[in-house]
C-alpha atoms as a PDB file:
ATOM      1  CA  MET A   1       5.480 -14.665 -10.736  1.00  0.00           C
ATOM      2  CA  ALA A   2       3.922 -11.483 -12.071  1.00  0.00           C
ATOM      3  CA  LEU A   3       6.185  -8.518 -11.006  1.00  0.00           C
ATOM      4  CA  ARG A   4       9.826  -8.570 -12.011  1.00  0.00           C
ATOM      5  CA  LEU A   5      12.060  -5.976 -10.464  1.00  0.00           C
ATOM      6  CA  LEU A   6      13.691  -3.790 -13.085  1.00  0.00           C
ATOM      7  CA  GLY A   7      15.719  -1.598 -10.757  1.00  0.00           C
ATOM      8  CA  HIS A   8      15.261   1.603  -8.571  1.00  0.00           C
ATOM      9  CA  VAL A   9      14.918   5.284  -9.071  1.00  0.00           C
ATOM     10  CA  GLU A  10      16.881   7.287  -6.580  1.00  0.00           C
ATOM     11  CA  LEU A  11      14.918  10.193  -5.252  1.00  0.00           C
ATOM     12  CA  PRO A  12      15.781  13.243  -3.064  1.00  0.00           C
ATOM     13  CA  GLY A  13      16.461  12.578   0.655  1.00  0.00           C
ATOM     14  CA  HIS A  14      13.913  13.568   3.135  1.00  0.00           C
ATOM     15  CA  ALA A  15      14.117  17.220   4.408  1.00  0.00           C
ATOM     16  CA  THR A  16      12.088  16.272   7.485  1.00  0.00           C
ATOM     17  CA  ALA A  17      10.566  13.187   9.016  1.00  0.00           C
ATOM     18  CA  GLY A  18       8.163  11.326   6.882  1.00  0.00           C
ATOM     19  CA  GLY A  19       8.152   9.900   3.369  1.00  0.00           C
ATOM     20  CA  PHE A  20       6.036   9.483   0.405  1.00  0.00           C
ATOM     21  CA  ASP A  21       2.265   9.389  -0.334  1.00  0.00           C
ATOM     22  CA  HIS A  22       0.010   8.818  -3.108  1.00  0.00           C
ATOM     23  CA  ALA A  23       1.197   8.882  -6.771  1.00  0.00           C
ATOM     24  CA  ASP A  24      -0.244   9.000 -10.299  1.00  0.00           C
ATOM     25  CA  VAL A  25       1.021   8.820 -13.904  1.00  0.00           C
ATOM     26  CA  HIS A  26       0.198  11.405 -16.675  1.00  0.00           C
ATOM     27  CA  GLN A  27       0.137   8.891 -19.490  1.00  0.00           C
ATOM     28  CA  VAL A  28       0.291  11.567 -22.173  1.00  0.00           C
ATOM     29  CA  THR A  29       3.740  12.661 -21.053  1.00  0.00           C
ATOM     30  CA  GLY A  30       4.745   9.565 -19.252  1.00  0.00           C
ATOM     31  CA  ARG A  31       5.457  11.407 -15.969  1.00  0.00           C
ATOM     32  CA  LEU A  32       4.858  10.035 -12.803  1.00  0.00           C
ATOM     33  CA  TYR A  33       4.060  12.445  -9.827  1.00  0.00           C
ATOM     34  CA  VAL A  34       4.573  11.415  -6.340  1.00  0.00           C
ATOM     35  CA  ALA A  35       3.799  13.231  -3.131  1.00  0.00           C
ATOM     36  CA  HIS A  36       7.152  13.493  -1.241  1.00  0.00           C
ATOM     37  CA  THR A  37       5.445  14.657   1.908  1.00  0.00           C
ATOM     38  CA  ALA A  38       8.511  15.022   3.891  1.00  0.00           C
ATOM     39  CA  ASN A  39       9.731  17.576   1.485  1.00  0.00           C
ATOM     40  CA  ASP A  40       6.545  19.440   0.667  1.00  0.00           C
ATOM     41  CA  ALA A  41       6.973  18.516  -3.010  1.00  0.00           C
ATOM     42  CA  LEU A  42       5.930  16.525  -5.844  1.00  0.00           C
ATOM     43  CA  ASP A  43       8.850  14.255  -7.203  1.00  0.00           C
ATOM     44  CA  VAL A  44       8.579  13.654 -10.963  1.00  0.00           C
ATOM     45  CA  ILE A  45       9.911  10.494 -12.674  1.00  0.00           C
ATOM     46  CA  ASP A  46      10.206   9.960 -16.386  1.00  0.00           C
ATOM     47  CA  CYS A  47       8.609   6.497 -16.900  1.00  0.00           C
ATOM     48  CA  ALA A  48      10.115   6.007 -20.199  1.00  0.00           C
ATOM     49  CA  THR A  49      13.699   6.170 -18.861  1.00  0.00           C
ATOM     50  CA  ASP A  50      12.850   5.474 -15.284  1.00  0.00           C
ATOM     51  CA  HIS A  51      14.917   8.476 -14.096  1.00  0.00           C
ATOM     52  CA  TYR A  52      14.200  11.144 -11.448  1.00  0.00           C
ATOM     53  CA  SER A  53      13.416  14.444 -13.402  1.00  0.00           C
ATOM     54  CA  HIS A  54      12.789  17.220 -10.863  1.00  0.00           C
ATOM     55  CA  SER A  55      10.629  18.180  -8.046  1.00  0.00           C
ATOM     56  CA  ILE A  56       7.747  20.786  -7.768  1.00  0.00           C
ATOM     57  CA  PRO A  57       8.234  22.543  -4.395  1.00  0.00           C
ATOM     58  CA  ASN A  58       5.977  24.610  -2.019  1.00  0.00           C
ATOM     59  CA  LEU A  59       3.163  22.193  -1.560  1.00  0.00           C
ATOM     60  CA  THR A  60       2.920  21.935   2.298  1.00  0.00           C
ATOM     61  CA  GLY A  61       2.275  18.517   3.605  1.00  0.00           C
ATOM     62  CA  VAL A  62       1.322  17.313   0.140  1.00  0.00           C
ATOM     63  CA  ALA A  63      -0.481  13.964   0.473  1.00  0.00           C
ATOM     64  CA  GLY A  64      -1.464  13.083  -3.105  1.00  0.00           C
ATOM     65  CA  ALA A  65      -1.218  13.714  -6.784  1.00  0.00           C
ATOM     66  CA  LEU A  66      -3.759  12.888  -9.448  1.00  0.00           C
ATOM     67  CA  ALA A  67      -3.435  13.260 -13.222  1.00  0.00           C
ATOM     68  CA  SER A  68      -5.968  13.856 -16.000  1.00  0.00           C
ATOM     69  CA  ASP A  69      -4.987  12.849 -19.463  1.00  0.00           C
ATOM     70  CA  GLU A  70      -8.374  14.052 -20.828  1.00  0.00           C
ATOM     71  CA  ARG A  71      -7.655  17.601 -19.623  1.00  0.00           C
ATOM     72  CA  ASN A  72      -3.854  17.643 -19.390  1.00  0.00           C
ATOM     73  CA  LEU A  73      -4.076  18.586 -15.603  1.00  0.00           C
ATOM     74  CA  ILE A  74      -2.291  17.656 -12.621  1.00  0.00           C
ATOM     75  CA  PHE A  75      -3.891  18.022  -9.057  1.00  0.00           C
ATOM     76  CA  THR A  76      -2.326  17.927  -5.662  1.00  0.00           C
ATOM     77  CA  SER A  77      -3.807  17.597  -2.178  1.00  0.00           C
ATOM     78  CA  ASN A  78      -1.848  19.873   0.311  1.00  0.00           C
ATOM     79  CA  ARG A  79      -2.555  18.548   3.737  1.00  0.00           C
ATOM     80  CA  GLY A  80      -0.496  21.101   5.636  1.00  0.00           C
ATOM     81  CA  GLU A  81      -2.194  24.218   4.103  1.00  0.00           C
ATOM     82  CA  ASN A  82      -5.756  22.994   3.446  1.00  0.00           C
ATOM     83  CA  THR A  83      -5.391  23.632  -0.314  1.00  0.00           C
ATOM     84  CA  VAL A  84      -5.514  21.739  -3.432  1.00  0.00           C
ATOM     85  CA  GLY A  85      -3.080  22.526  -6.333  1.00  0.00           C
ATOM     86  CA  ILE A  86      -3.972  22.591 -10.025  1.00  0.00           C
ATOM     87  CA  PHE A  87      -1.672  22.951 -13.047  1.00  0.00           C
ATOM     88  CA  SER A  88      -1.230  22.068 -16.575  1.00  0.00           C
ATOM     89  CA  ALA A  89       1.081  19.300 -17.240  1.00  0.00           C
ATOM     90  CA  ASP A  90       2.648  21.756 -19.917  1.00  0.00           C
ATOM     91  CA  ASP A  91       2.985  24.658 -17.390  1.00  0.00           C
ATOM     92  CA  GLU A  92       4.042  23.728 -13.822  1.00  0.00           C
ATOM     93  CA  ALA A  93       4.842  27.331 -13.092  1.00  0.00           C
ATOM     94  CA  GLY A  94       1.171  28.047 -13.546  1.00  0.00           C
ATOM     95  CA  LEU A  95       0.061  26.079 -10.572  1.00  0.00           C
ATOM     96  CA  VAL A  96      -2.904  27.728  -8.819  1.00  0.00           C
ATOM     97  CA  LYS A  97      -4.080  26.714  -5.185  1.00  0.00           C
ATOM     98  CA  ALA A  98      -7.694  26.648  -4.254  1.00  0.00           C
ATOM     99  CA  SER A  99      -8.862  26.437  -0.543  1.00  0.00           C
ATOM    100  CA  VAL A 100     -10.561  23.337   0.620  1.00  0.00           C
ATOM    101  CA  GLY A 101     -11.528  21.710   3.962  1.00  0.00           C
ATOM    102  CA  LEU A 102      -9.342  20.527   6.797  1.00  0.00           C
ATOM    103  CA  ARG A 103      -6.341  18.244   5.765  1.00  0.00           C
ATOM    104  CA  PRO A 104      -7.170  17.126   2.263  1.00  0.00           C
ATOM    105  CA  ASN A 105      -5.975  13.703   1.156  1.00  0.00           C
ATOM    106  CA  GLY A 106      -7.839  11.713  -1.435  1.00  0.00           C
ATOM    107  CA  LEU A 107      -8.599  13.129  -4.871  1.00  0.00           C
ATOM    108  CA  ALA A 108     -10.989  12.228  -7.614  1.00  0.00           C
ATOM    109  CA  TYR A 109     -11.803  13.973 -10.857  1.00  0.00           C
ATOM    110  CA  ASP A 110     -14.551  14.123 -13.394  1.00  0.00           C
ATOM    111  CA  PRO A 111     -13.083  15.366 -16.619  1.00  0.00           C
ATOM    112  CA  GLY A 112     -16.388  15.778 -18.317  1.00  0.00           C
ATOM    113  CA  ARG A 113     -17.745  18.245 -15.773  1.00  0.00           C
ATOM    114  CA  ASN A 114     -14.176  19.501 -14.875  1.00  0.00           C
ATOM    115  CA  LEU A 115     -14.849  18.815 -11.176  1.00  0.00           C
ATOM    116  CA  LEU A 116     -12.266  17.897  -8.603  1.00  0.00           C
ATOM    117  CA  LEU A 117     -13.317  16.123  -5.374  1.00  0.00           C
ATOM    118  CA  ALA A 118     -10.995  16.554  -2.352  1.00  0.00           C
ATOM    119  CA  ALA A 119     -11.609  14.271   0.563  1.00  0.00           C
ATOM    120  CA  HIS A 120     -10.528  15.436   4.042  1.00  0.00           C
ATOM    121  CA  VAL A 121      -8.835  13.781   6.904  1.00  0.00           C
ATOM    122  CA  GLY A 122     -10.451  16.403   9.188  1.00  0.00           C
ATOM    123  CA  ASP A 123      -9.822  16.515  12.952  1.00  0.00           C
ATOM    124  CA  PRO A 124     -12.025  14.797  15.546  1.00  0.00           C
ATOM    125  CA  ALA A 125     -11.426  17.781  17.879  1.00  0.00           C
ATOM    126  CA  VAL A 126     -12.898  20.055  15.199  1.00  0.00           C
ATOM    127  CA  PRO A 127     -16.703  19.554  14.990  1.00  0.00           C
ATOM    128  CA  GLY A 128     -17.860  19.297  11.315  1.00  0.00           C
ATOM    129  CA  SER A 129     -14.356  18.926   9.757  1.00  0.00           C
ATOM    130  CA  PHE A 130     -15.212  15.550   8.173  1.00  0.00           C
ATOM    131  CA  THR A 131     -16.100  16.704   4.791  1.00  0.00           C
ATOM    132  CA  VAL A 132     -15.312  16.541   1.178  1.00  0.00           C
ATOM    133  CA  SER A 133     -14.999  19.644  -1.155  1.00  0.00           C
ATOM    134  CA  VAL A 134     -15.994  19.990  -4.738  1.00  0.00           C
ATOM    135  CA  ILE A 135     -13.839  22.271  -6.760  1.00  0.00           C
ATOM    136  CA  ASP A 136     -14.587  23.777 -10.302  1.00  0.00           C
ATOM    137  CA  ALA A 137     -11.197  23.199 -11.904  1.00  0.00           C
ATOM    138  CA  ASP A 138     -11.877  25.765 -14.551  1.00  0.00           C
ATOM    139  CA  ARG A 139     -12.438  28.519 -12.097  1.00  0.00           C
ATOM    140  CA  LYS A 140     -10.055  26.980  -9.531  1.00  0.00           C
ATOM    141  CA  ALA A 141     -12.714  27.463  -6.920  1.00  0.00           C
ATOM    142  CA  ARG A 142     -14.649  25.435  -4.305  1.00  0.00           C
ATOM    143  CA  ILE A 143     -18.215  25.209  -5.106  1.00  0.00           C
ATOM    144  CA  ALA A 144     -19.535  22.794  -2.382  1.00  0.00           C
ATOM    145  CA  ASP A 145     -18.539  21.355   0.948  1.00  0.00           C
ATOM    146  CA  ILE A 146     -20.315  17.919   1.801  1.00  0.00           C
ATOM    147  CA  PRO A 147     -20.460  16.596   5.275  1.00  0.00           C
ATOM    148  CA  VAL A 148     -19.526  12.892   5.627  1.00  0.00           C
ATOM    149  CA  PRO A 149     -20.005  10.456   8.497  1.00  0.00           C
ATOM    150  CA  GLY A 150     -16.314  10.147   9.407  1.00  0.00           C
ATOM    151  CA  ARG A 151     -12.644  10.398   8.363  1.00  0.00           C
ATOM    152  CA  THR A 152     -12.181   9.811   4.736  1.00  0.00           C
ATOM    153  CA  ARG A 153      -9.467   7.692   3.020  1.00  0.00           C
ATOM    154  CA  TRP A 154      -9.247   7.390  -0.747  1.00  0.00           C
ATOM    155  CA  ALA A 155     -11.534   8.424  -3.469  1.00  0.00           C
ATOM    156  CA  ILE A 156     -12.335   7.487  -7.162  1.00  0.00           C
ATOM    157  CA  PHE A 157     -14.480   8.625 -10.014  1.00  0.00           C
ATOM    158  CA  ASP A 158     -16.539   6.265 -12.088  1.00  0.00           C
ATOM    159  CA  PRO A 159     -17.169   7.750 -15.462  1.00  0.00           C
ATOM    160  CA  LEU A 160     -19.955   5.275 -16.523  1.00  0.00           C
ATOM    161  CA  SER A 161     -22.254   6.329 -13.616  1.00  0.00           C
ATOM    162  CA  GLY A 162     -20.905   9.906 -13.100  1.00  0.00           C
ATOM    163  CA  SER A 163     -20.283   9.119  -9.496  1.00  0.00           C
ATOM    164  CA  PHE A 164     -17.474   9.805  -6.909  1.00  0.00           C
ATOM    165  CA  TYR A 165     -16.797   7.024  -4.394  1.00  0.00           C
ATOM    166  CA  VAL A 166     -15.185   7.988  -1.191  1.00  0.00           C
ATOM    167  CA  ASN A 167     -13.988   5.584   1.497  1.00  0.00           C
ATOM    168  CA  ILE A 168     -14.808   6.417   5.096  1.00  0.00           C
ATOM    169  CA  SER A 169     -12.639   4.812   7.790  1.00  0.00           C
ATOM    170  CA  ASP A 170     -15.255   4.843  10.688  1.00  0.00           C
ATOM    171  CA  PRO A 171     -17.924   3.944  10.440  1.00  0.00           C
ATOM    172  CA  PRO A 172     -16.799   1.511   7.592  1.00  0.00           C
ATOM    173  CA  LEU A 173     -18.568   2.917   4.503  1.00  0.00           C
ATOM    174  CA  ILE A 174     -18.223   3.978   0.995  1.00  0.00           C
ATOM    175  CA  VAL A 175     -20.224   7.416   0.212  1.00  0.00           C
ATOM    176  CA  VAL A 176     -21.388   7.989  -3.196  1.00  0.00           C
ATOM    177  CA  ILE A 177     -21.788  11.438  -4.544  1.00  0.00           C
ATOM    178  CA  ASP A 178     -23.509  12.149  -7.952  1.00  0.00           C
ATOM    179  CA  ALA A 179     -21.270  14.554 -10.015  1.00  0.00           C
ATOM    180  CA  GLY A 180     -24.229  15.834 -11.731  1.00  0.00           C
ATOM    181  CA  GLN A 181     -25.535  17.091  -8.118  1.00  0.00           C
ATOM    182  CA  PRO A 182     -22.478  17.385  -6.271  1.00  0.00           C
ATOM    183  CA  THR A 183     -23.885  18.962  -3.122  1.00  0.00           C
ATOM    184  CA  LYS A 184     -24.869  15.956  -0.977  1.00  0.00           C
ATOM    185  CA  VAL A 185     -24.113  12.332  -0.411  1.00  0.00           C
ATOM    186  CA  SER A 186     -26.622  10.334  -2.691  1.00  0.00           C
ATOM    187  CA  ARG A 187     -25.941   6.790  -1.383  1.00  0.00           C
ATOM    188  CA  VAL A 188     -23.992   4.846   1.367  1.00  0.00           C
ATOM    189  CA  LEU A 189     -22.559   1.513   0.823  1.00  0.00           C
ATOM    190  CA  PRO A 190     -21.812  -0.421   4.114  1.00  0.00           C
ATOM    191  CA  VAL A 191     -18.391  -2.074   4.299  1.00  0.00           C
ATOM    192  CA  PRO A 192     -18.312  -5.248   6.465  1.00  0.00           C
ATOM    193  CA  ILE A 193     -14.657  -4.832   7.592  1.00  0.00           C
ATOM    194  CA  VAL A 194     -13.154  -2.029   9.734  1.00  0.00           C
ATOM    195  CA  GLY A 195     -11.005   0.740   8.227  1.00  0.00           C
ATOM    196  CA  PRO A 196     -11.799   1.072   4.379  1.00  0.00           C
ATOM    197  CA  HIS A 197      -8.616   2.492   2.981  1.00  0.00           C
ATOM    198  CA  GLY A 198      -7.407   1.927  -0.630  1.00  0.00           C
ATOM    199  CA  LEU A 199      -9.974   1.927  -3.413  1.00  0.00           C
ATOM    200  CA  ASP A 200     -10.206   1.247  -7.100  1.00  0.00           C
ATOM    201  CA  ILE A 201     -12.963   0.211  -9.668  1.00  0.00           C
ATOM    202  CA  ASP A 202     -13.310  -2.483 -12.387  1.00  0.00           C
ATOM    203  CA  LEU A 203     -15.525  -0.469 -14.829  1.00  0.00           C
ATOM    204  CA  GLU A 204     -16.322  -3.462 -17.075  1.00  0.00           C
ATOM    205  CA  ARG A 205     -17.495  -5.852 -14.181  1.00  0.00           C
ATOM    206  CA  ARG A 206     -18.975  -2.738 -12.211  1.00  0.00           C
ATOM    207  CA  ARG A 207     -17.405  -3.740  -8.899  1.00  0.00           C
ATOM    208  CA  LEU A 208     -15.178  -1.899  -6.374  1.00  0.00           C
ATOM    209  CA  PHE A 209     -11.977  -3.234  -4.711  1.00  0.00           C
ATOM    210  CA  CYS A 210     -11.682  -1.880  -1.160  1.00  0.00           C
ATOM    211  CA  ALA A 211      -8.620  -2.724   0.821  1.00  0.00           C
ATOM    212  CA  CYS A 212      -9.366  -2.490   4.688  1.00  0.00           C
ATOM    213  CA  ASP A 213      -7.306  -2.144   7.923  1.00  0.00           C
ATOM    214  CA  GLY A 214      -8.927  -5.378   9.008  1.00  0.00           C
ATOM    215  CA  ARG A 215      -6.637  -7.116   6.640  1.00  0.00           C
ATOM    216  CA  LYS A 216      -9.305  -8.022   4.028  1.00  0.00           C
ATOM    217  CA  LEU A 217      -9.841  -6.997   0.488  1.00  0.00           C
ATOM    218  CA  VAL A 218     -13.483  -6.514   0.132  1.00  0.00           C
ATOM    219  CA  VAL A 219     -15.040  -6.717  -3.358  1.00  0.00           C
ATOM    220  CA  LEU A 220     -18.502  -4.829  -3.681  1.00  0.00           C
ATOM    221  CA  ALA A 221     -20.774  -4.465  -6.692  1.00  0.00           C
ATOM    222  CA  THR A 222     -21.265  -0.679  -7.430  1.00  0.00           C
ATOM    223  CA  ASP A 223     -24.782  -1.071  -6.068  1.00  0.00           C
ATOM    224  CA  GLY A 224     -23.308  -2.098  -2.756  1.00  0.00           C
ATOM    225  CA  ARG A 225     -23.717  -5.905  -2.811  1.00  0.00           C
ATOM    226  CA  VAL A 226     -20.594  -7.517  -1.068  1.00  0.00           C
ATOM    227  CA  GLN A 227     -19.255 -10.011  -3.619  1.00  0.00           C
ATOM    228  CA  ALA A 228     -16.199 -11.297  -1.925  1.00  0.00           C
ATOM    229  CA  MET A 229     -13.791 -10.847   0.920  1.00  0.00           C
ATOM    230  CA  VAL A 230     -10.167 -12.154   0.779  1.00  0.00           C
ATOM    231  CA  ASP A 231      -7.104 -12.088   3.167  1.00  0.00           C
ATOM    232  CA  ILE A 232      -4.374  -9.536   2.504  1.00  0.00           C
ATOM    233  CA  SER A 233      -0.788  -9.554   4.034  1.00  0.00           C
ATOM    234  CA  GLY A 234      -1.367  -6.529   6.634  1.00  0.00           C
ATOM    235  CA  VAL A 235      -2.845  -3.175   6.924  1.00  0.00           C
ATOM    236  CA  PRO A 236      -3.101  -1.897   3.378  1.00  0.00           C
ATOM    237  CA  ASP A 237      -2.998   1.578   1.834  1.00  0.00           C
ATOM    238  CA  VAL A 238      -2.953   2.107  -2.006  1.00  0.00           C
ATOM    239  CA  VAL A 239      -4.708  -0.254  -4.452  1.00  0.00           C
ATOM    240  CA  PHE A 240      -4.455  -0.216  -8.246  1.00  0.00           C
ATOM    241  CA  PHE A 241      -6.292  -2.306 -10.737  1.00  0.00           C
ATOM    242  CA  ASN A 242      -4.554  -3.323 -13.941  1.00  0.00           C
ATOM    243  CA  ALA A 243      -7.578  -3.792 -16.288  1.00  0.00           C
ATOM    244  CA  LEU A 244      -5.418  -5.008 -19.225  1.00  0.00           C
ATOM    245  CA  LEU A 245      -3.809  -7.883 -17.351  1.00  0.00           C
ATOM    246  CA  GLY A 246      -6.538  -8.433 -14.812  1.00  0.00           C
ATOM    247  CA  HIS A 247      -4.192  -7.957 -11.840  1.00  0.00           C
ATOM    248  CA  LEU A 248      -4.806  -6.081  -8.656  1.00  0.00           C
ATOM    249  CA  TYR A 249      -1.950  -4.502  -6.590  1.00  0.00           C
ATOM    250  CA  VAL A 250      -2.299  -3.877  -2.832  1.00  0.00           C
ATOM    251  CA  ALA A 251       0.354  -1.921  -1.036  1.00  0.00           C
ATOM    252  CA  ILE A 252       1.071  -2.827   2.592  1.00  0.00           C
ATOM    253  CA  GLY A 253       3.591  -0.849   4.561  1.00  0.00           C
ATOM    254  CA  ASP A 254       4.090  -3.293   7.506  1.00  0.00           C
ATOM    255  CA  PRO A 255       5.945  -5.566   6.744  1.00  0.00           C
ATOM    256  CA  GLY A 256       6.521  -3.841   3.360  1.00  0.00           C
ATOM    257  CA  VAL A 257       4.979  -5.831   0.624  1.00  0.00           C
ATOM    258  CA  VAL A 258       2.801  -5.611  -2.513  1.00  0.00           C
ATOM    259  CA  ASP A 259       0.094  -8.372  -2.657  1.00  0.00           C
ATOM    260  CA  VAL A 260      -0.805  -9.175  -6.376  1.00  0.00           C
ATOM    261  CA  PHE A 261      -4.178 -10.742  -7.079  1.00  0.00           C
ATOM    262  CA  ASP A 262      -5.805 -12.322 -10.048  1.00  0.00           C
ATOM    263  CA  ALA A 263      -8.867  -9.932 -10.143  1.00  0.00           C
ATOM    264  CA  ALA A 264     -11.179 -12.736 -11.784  1.00  0.00           C
ATOM    265  CA  SER A 265     -10.467 -15.481  -9.246  1.00  0.00           C
ATOM    266  CA  LEU A 266      -9.447 -13.172  -6.406  1.00  0.00           C
ATOM    267  CA  LYS A 267      -6.541 -15.669  -5.863  1.00  0.00           C
ATOM    268  CA  ARG A 268      -3.121 -14.226  -4.683  1.00  0.00           C
ATOM    269  CA  ILE A 269      -0.650 -14.711  -7.287  1.00  0.00           C
ATOM    270  CA  GLU A 270       2.361 -13.446  -5.268  1.00  0.00           C
ATOM    271  CA  THR A 271       3.534 -11.246  -2.571  1.00  0.00           C
ATOM    272  CA  VAL A 272       6.462  -9.059  -3.377  1.00  0.00           C
ATOM    273  CA  ALA A 273       8.767  -7.651  -0.860  1.00  0.00           C
ATOM    274  CA  THR A 274       9.414  -3.971  -0.928  1.00  0.00           C
ATOM    275  CA  GLU A 275      10.627  -2.120   2.187  1.00  0.00           C
ATOM    276  CA  ARG A 276       9.049  -1.567   5.679  1.00  0.00           C
ATOM    277  CA  GLY A 277       6.947   1.551   5.481  1.00  0.00           C
ATOM    278  CA  ALA A 278       6.451   1.348   1.577  1.00  0.00           C
ATOM    279  CA  HIS A 279       2.713   1.806   1.743  1.00  0.00           C
ATOM    280  CA  THR A 280       2.212   3.630  -1.569  1.00  0.00           C
ATOM    281  CA  LEU A 281       2.466   2.808  -5.279  1.00  0.00           C
ATOM    282  CA  GLY A 282       2.498   4.323  -8.721  1.00  0.00           C
ATOM    283  CA  TYR A 283       0.965   2.410 -11.777  1.00  0.00           C
ATOM    284  CA  ASP A 284       1.920   3.044 -15.396  1.00  0.00           C
ATOM    285  CA  ARG A 285      -0.848   1.392 -17.299  1.00  0.00           C
ATOM    286  CA  GLN A 286       0.752   2.149 -20.743  1.00  0.00           C
ATOM    287  CA  ARG A 287       3.845   0.207 -19.835  1.00  0.00           C
ATOM    288  CA  ASN A 288       2.515  -2.285 -17.208  1.00  0.00           C
ATOM    289  CA  LYS A 289       4.861  -0.972 -14.662  1.00  0.00           C
ATOM    290  CA  VAL A 290       4.381  -0.562 -10.895  1.00  0.00           C
ATOM    291  CA  TYR A 291       6.489   1.734  -8.677  1.00  0.00           C
ATOM    292  CA  ALA A 292       6.732   1.124  -4.973  1.00  0.00           C
ATOM    293  CA  PHE A 293       7.950   4.203  -2.882  1.00  0.00           C
ATOM    294  CA  MET A 294      10.480   3.159  -0.188  1.00  0.00           C
ATOM    295  CA  PRO A 295      10.673   5.833   2.565  1.00  0.00           C
ATOM    296  CA  ALA A 296      13.905   4.351   4.328  1.00  0.00           C
ATOM    297  CA  SER A 297      15.913   4.286   1.293  1.00  0.00           C
ATOM    298  CA  HIS A 298      14.127   7.404  -0.443  1.00  0.00           C
ATOM    299  CA  ARG A 299      13.740   5.594  -3.825  1.00  0.00           C
ATOM    300  CA  ALA A 300      11.250   3.819  -5.958  1.00  0.00           C
ATOM    301  CA  ALA A 301      11.438   0.140  -6.824  1.00  0.00           C
ATOM    302  CA  ILE A 302      10.352  -0.497 -10.412  1.00  0.00           C
ATOM    303  CA  TYR A 303       8.543  -3.534 -11.420  1.00  0.00           C
ATOM    304  CA  LEU A 304       7.373  -4.860 -14.714  1.00  0.00           C
ATOM    305  CA  ASP A 305       4.082  -6.850 -14.708  1.00  0.00           C
ATOM    306  CA  GLU A 306       4.707  -9.724 -17.101  1.00  0.00           C
ATOM    307  CA  GLY A 307       1.101 -10.842 -16.955  1.00  0.00           C
ATOM    308  CA  GLU A 308       1.775 -14.253 -15.541  1.00  0.00           C
ATOM    309  CA  GLY A 309      -0.714 -15.923 -13.093  1.00  0.00           C
ATOM    310  CA  ARG A 310      -3.831 -14.727 -14.878  1.00  0.00           C
ATOM    311  CA  GLU A 311      -6.636 -17.322 -14.981  1.00  0.00           C
END
């Protein structure tokens, strides 16, 4: 066993149909921000006490949250209004919105250049809507729109190469954008399984973990070479890599589980039952805690990773 259930955090009930989406932890303050899409709000959890703190409203269709410790910033992707939100972790009332492309979802951030990337779901009926936007977070203004080959999923930033990686669902690809020249796709990495979705990076070993709708976890070197493919328990969403313990967490909404892998051997350590529809996670790297967001019971299950199973 790796994940030990500590308890649950009760979160506000859903105002409309739907549930939760992507989450991130601001390590400096120990606050977890989760997109409560059904409520057009971010819910905030105090990770030190594991209690619900408050919600940040007026984020229409919010699909994701991203935190920067380096710049003390929080970002949101507001899919229902085609904006991103930007605010200081010390000044939530100072939230400013910037216009982006159609239905923003995935977020990635380069703290050195202060650039935010928003990846858009788009609409097949709207020509040219499969894009990513690049936002100058200092000016809170969009500086570039980059066409991509299809619907985007998640996005990450690699500080060692200065590159953004963005999953494309169909065709199954990862597009690479150089943050130093953020006006075009610089490289394309083919993915051999349908539906790239969740994405994270192992900076030390220079490899990408790409969880795909085809019920496979694909491991690629950052140069695009496929290193491994392993089975997962269903159609995935969020992926987080715990570099300290060498564990990889894959959230799967149906049947409602988290697959935990040893990242070195890529052997599955365990499969932890959550709740049907629980497709998204939060990861507190300081405390080695994993939060699974459960839409049917509008709460978060809290797990402590005790480090077992590592080879």
